[in-house]
Amino acid sequence: MKPGYYNFVSLVMFLALVFALEAAVNAQEKVAPEILTEAAAAKIVPTSFYFAGQSAPTQVRNAAVARVGKERHVIAGLVDTSGYSTEISGKYEGFLITDSPVNIGGKSLEIGAYGFGFSADGKLHIFDLSSKEIMAVDTMNDKEMKRPRPLMMSVSSDGVRFYKGKNYVLVRAN
């Protein structure tokens, strides 16, 4: 056999090894989603949130954190909007923070901090920090839920359900 053949075989074996190692690393990084306990979430959830030029205190009892990957989180919480103008408090209910890109209701949301509001027409509206709407997604209704909370997250077979009452959107890591 020619010497070039051995170089080619060595290259193919090396590339196969590199791809196998990369696949193993990627498989390890994919962690099943989980909802953090109240105590663990308390270390992550901010005590207040800035939106549209104002800061409002977080309703800590109505906050949730989902781990969607190794050291990747989605944090959501309702805020006290009583000091906000009617225009802002009518559409803004809380904050959503993600430290990695996620998919919400079938649409991609980049790393960042956002305001959100669930509307009576069955949509979740997501706003940038200046209060400009950047997306709206349809919600689903969980008719099986017995005791809905104002805001919560739960793990399902297809991702994390982000609820306000019985209405929810599906959140998945990208």
Protein backbone atom coordinates (compact mmCIF):
# COMPACT_ATOMS: atom_id res chain seq x y z
CA MET A 1 0.00 0.00 0.00
CA LYS A 2 1.06 3.55 -0.65
CA PRO A 3 2.16 5.87 2.20
CA GLY A 4 -0.58 8.38 1.25
CA TYR A 5 -3.19 5.73 2.07
CA TYR A 6 -2.01 5.50 5.70
CA ASN A 7 -2.12 9.30 6.03
CA PHE A 8 -5.68 9.31 4.70
CA VAL A 9 -6.78 6.52 7.07
CA SER A 10 -5.11 8.30 9.99
CA LEU A 11 -6.88 11.53 9.10
CA VAL A 12 -10.27 9.78 8.86
CA MET A 13 -9.73 8.04 12.21
CA PHE A 14 -8.66 11.33 13.83
CA LEU A 15 -11.76 13.15 12.49
CA ALA A 16 -14.01 10.32 13.68
CA LEU A 17 -12.48 10.59 17.15
CA VAL A 18 -12.96 14.40 17.20
CA PHE A 19 -16.63 14.08 16.17
CA ALA A 20 -17.23 11.34 18.76
CA LEU A 21 -15.71 13.49 21.53
CA GLU A 22 -17.73 16.51 20.44
CA ALA A 23 -20.92 14.45 20.48
CA ALA A 24 -20.10 13.17 23.97
CA VAL A 25 -19.50 16.71 25.26
CA ASN A 26 -22.76 17.95 23.70
CA ALA A 27 -24.66 15.02 25.21
CA GLN A 28 -23.28 15.85 28.66
CA GLU A 29 -24.30 19.51 28.32
CA LYS A 30 -27.91 18.58 27.60
CA VAL A 31 -29.54 18.40 30.98
CA ALA A 32 -33.18 17.55 31.51
CA PRO A 33 -35.06 20.69 32.55
CA GLU A 34 -35.86 21.10 36.21
CA ILE A 35 -37.63 23.66 38.38
CA LEU A 36 -35.49 25.00 41.20
CA THR A 37 -36.77 24.78 44.76
CA GLU A 38 -37.99 27.96 46.42
CA ALA A 39 -34.78 28.16 48.48
CA ALA A 40 -32.53 27.73 45.42
CA ALA A 41 -34.61 30.18 43.38
CA ALA A 42 -34.38 32.81 46.14
CA LYS A 43 -30.62 32.99 45.51
CA ILE A 44 -31.22 33.81 41.82
CA VAL A 45 -34.44 35.84 41.57
CA PRO A 46 -33.82 39.61 41.69
CA THR A 47 -35.62 41.53 44.44
CA SER A 48 -36.70 44.23 41.98
CA PHE A 49 -36.78 44.74 38.24
CA TYR A 50 -36.22 47.74 35.97
CA PHE A 51 -38.69 48.30 33.13
CA ALA A 52 -39.64 51.38 31.09
CA GLY A 53 -37.64 53.79 33.27
CA GLN A 54 -39.00 52.51 36.58
CA SER A 55 -38.12 49.84 39.12
CA ALA A 56 -40.69 47.61 40.81
CA PRO A 57 -40.30 45.08 43.64
CA THR A 58 -40.52 41.39 42.77
CA GLN A 59 -43.36 39.33 44.20
CA VAL A 60 -40.97 36.61 45.36
CA ARG A 61 -43.82 34.17 46.13
CA ASN A 62 -44.81 34.53 42.45
CA ALA A 63 -41.40 33.84 40.92
CA ALA A 64 -39.94 30.68 39.41
CA VAL A 65 -36.63 29.48 38.00
CA ALA A 66 -36.16 26.67 35.49
CA ARG A 67 -32.77 25.13 34.80
CA VAL A 68 -32.80 24.37 31.06
CA GLY A 69 -29.20 23.22 30.68
CA LYS A 70 -25.95 23.04 32.55
CA GLU A 71 -25.81 26.42 34.31
CA ARG A 72 -28.54 27.78 32.02
CA HIS A 73 -31.63 29.34 33.58
CA VAL A 74 -34.93 30.97 32.75
CA ILE A 75 -36.12 33.24 35.56
CA ALA A 76 -39.61 34.72 35.73
CA GLY A 77 -41.46 36.70 38.33
CA LEU A 78 -44.43 38.96 38.81
CA VAL A 79 -43.74 42.48 40.05
CA ASP A 80 -45.74 45.04 41.97
CA THR A 81 -46.76 47.48 39.22
CA SER A 82 -48.92 49.70 41.45
CA GLY A 83 -46.51 52.63 41.00
CA TYR A 84 -46.42 52.32 37.21
CA SER A 85 -48.51 54.36 34.80
CA THR A 86 -51.78 52.75 33.66
CA GLU A 87 -50.34 52.36 30.16
CA ILE A 88 -47.41 50.29 31.44
CA SER A 89 -49.14 48.39 34.27
CA GLY A 90 -51.94 47.39 31.87
CA LYS A 91 -49.58 45.35 29.70
CA TYR A 92 -46.58 44.60 31.94
CA GLU A 93 -46.94 42.04 34.73
CA GLY A 94 -43.49 40.71 35.30
CA PHE A 95 -40.01 39.96 34.09
CA LEU A 96 -38.37 37.14 32.19
CA ILE A 97 -34.59 36.67 32.25
CA THR A 98 -32.72 34.07 30.23
CA ASP A 99 -28.97 33.52 30.22
CA SER A 100 -29.08 31.51 27.00
CA PRO A 101 -31.23 31.56 23.87
CA VAL A 102 -34.58 29.80 24.37
CA ASN A 103 -37.65 28.98 22.35
CA ILE A 104 -40.91 30.36 23.78
CA GLY A 105 -44.16 29.29 22.22
CA GLY A 106 -42.37 28.37 19.00
CA LYS A 107 -40.41 31.64 18.69
CA SER A 108 -36.75 32.26 19.47
CA LEU A 109 -35.84 34.58 22.33
CA GLU A 110 -32.23 35.70 22.73
CA ILE A 111 -30.23 36.09 25.93
CA GLY A 112 -31.53 39.02 27.93
CA ALA A 113 -33.99 40.55 30.35
CA TYR A 114 -37.55 41.25 29.28
CA GLY A 115 -40.92 42.36 30.55
CA PHE A 116 -43.99 40.23 29.91
CA GLY A 117 -47.74 40.27 30.17
CA PHE A 118 -50.45 37.68 29.55
CA SER A 119 -53.46 39.19 27.77
CA ALA A 120 -57.15 38.26 27.88
CA ASP A 121 -57.01 37.22 24.21
CA GLY A 122 -54.79 34.23 25.05
CA LYS A 123 -51.36 35.62 24.25
CA LEU A 124 -48.09 36.13 26.07
CA HIS A 125 -46.51 39.45 25.11
CA ILE A 126 -42.78 39.95 25.60
CA PHE A 127 -41.27 43.44 25.72
CA ASP A 128 -37.76 44.83 25.69
CA LEU A 129 -36.76 46.95 28.70
CA SER A 130 -37.98 50.14 26.99
CA SER A 131 -41.51 48.57 26.82
CA LYS A 132 -41.43 47.93 23.06
CA GLU A 133 -43.17 44.65 22.24
CA ILE A 134 -40.77 42.23 20.58
CA MET A 135 -43.04 39.19 20.30
CA ALA A 136 -46.43 37.76 21.10
CA VAL A 137 -47.15 34.03 21.26
CA ASP A 138 -50.34 32.07 21.73
CA THR A 139 -50.90 30.48 25.12
CA MET A 140 -52.49 27.13 25.84
CA ASN A 141 -54.98 26.45 28.61
CA ASP A 142 -54.42 23.62 31.09
CA LYS A 143 -57.98 22.61 31.92
CA GLU A 144 -56.65 19.75 34.10
CA MET A 145 -54.89 22.05 36.57
CA LYS A 146 -56.70 21.95 39.91
CA ARG A 147 -55.13 24.85 41.82
CA PRO A 148 -53.45 27.37 39.54
CA ARG A 149 -50.98 29.81 41.03
CA PRO A 150 -50.54 33.36 39.75
CA LEU A 151 -47.16 32.38 38.22
CA MET A 152 -45.36 29.06 38.12
CA MET A 153 -43.27 26.73 35.98
CA SER A 154 -43.48 22.97 35.65
CA VAL A 155 -41.55 20.39 33.67
CA SER A 156 -43.43 18.52 30.96
CA SER A 157 -42.36 15.92 28.43
CA ASP A 158 -41.80 18.62 25.81
CA GLY A 159 -40.05 21.31 27.86
CA VAL A 160 -40.97 23.71 30.64
CA ARG A 161 -44.47 25.11 30.97
CA PHE A 162 -44.46 28.77 32.01
CA TYR A 163 -47.87 29.47 33.59
CA LYS A 164 -49.92 32.43 34.62
CA GLY A 165 -52.99 30.86 36.17
CA LYS A 166 -54.09 28.03 33.89
CA ASN A 167 -52.61 29.61 30.74
CA TYR A 168 -49.09 28.64 29.71
CA VAL A 169 -46.46 28.73 26.99
CA LEU A 170 -43.85 26.11 26.36
CA VAL A 171 -40.21 27.08 26.96
CA ARG A 172 -37.36 25.00 25.51
CA ALA A 173 -33.61 25.43 25.38
CA ASN A 174 -32.29 26.20 21.89
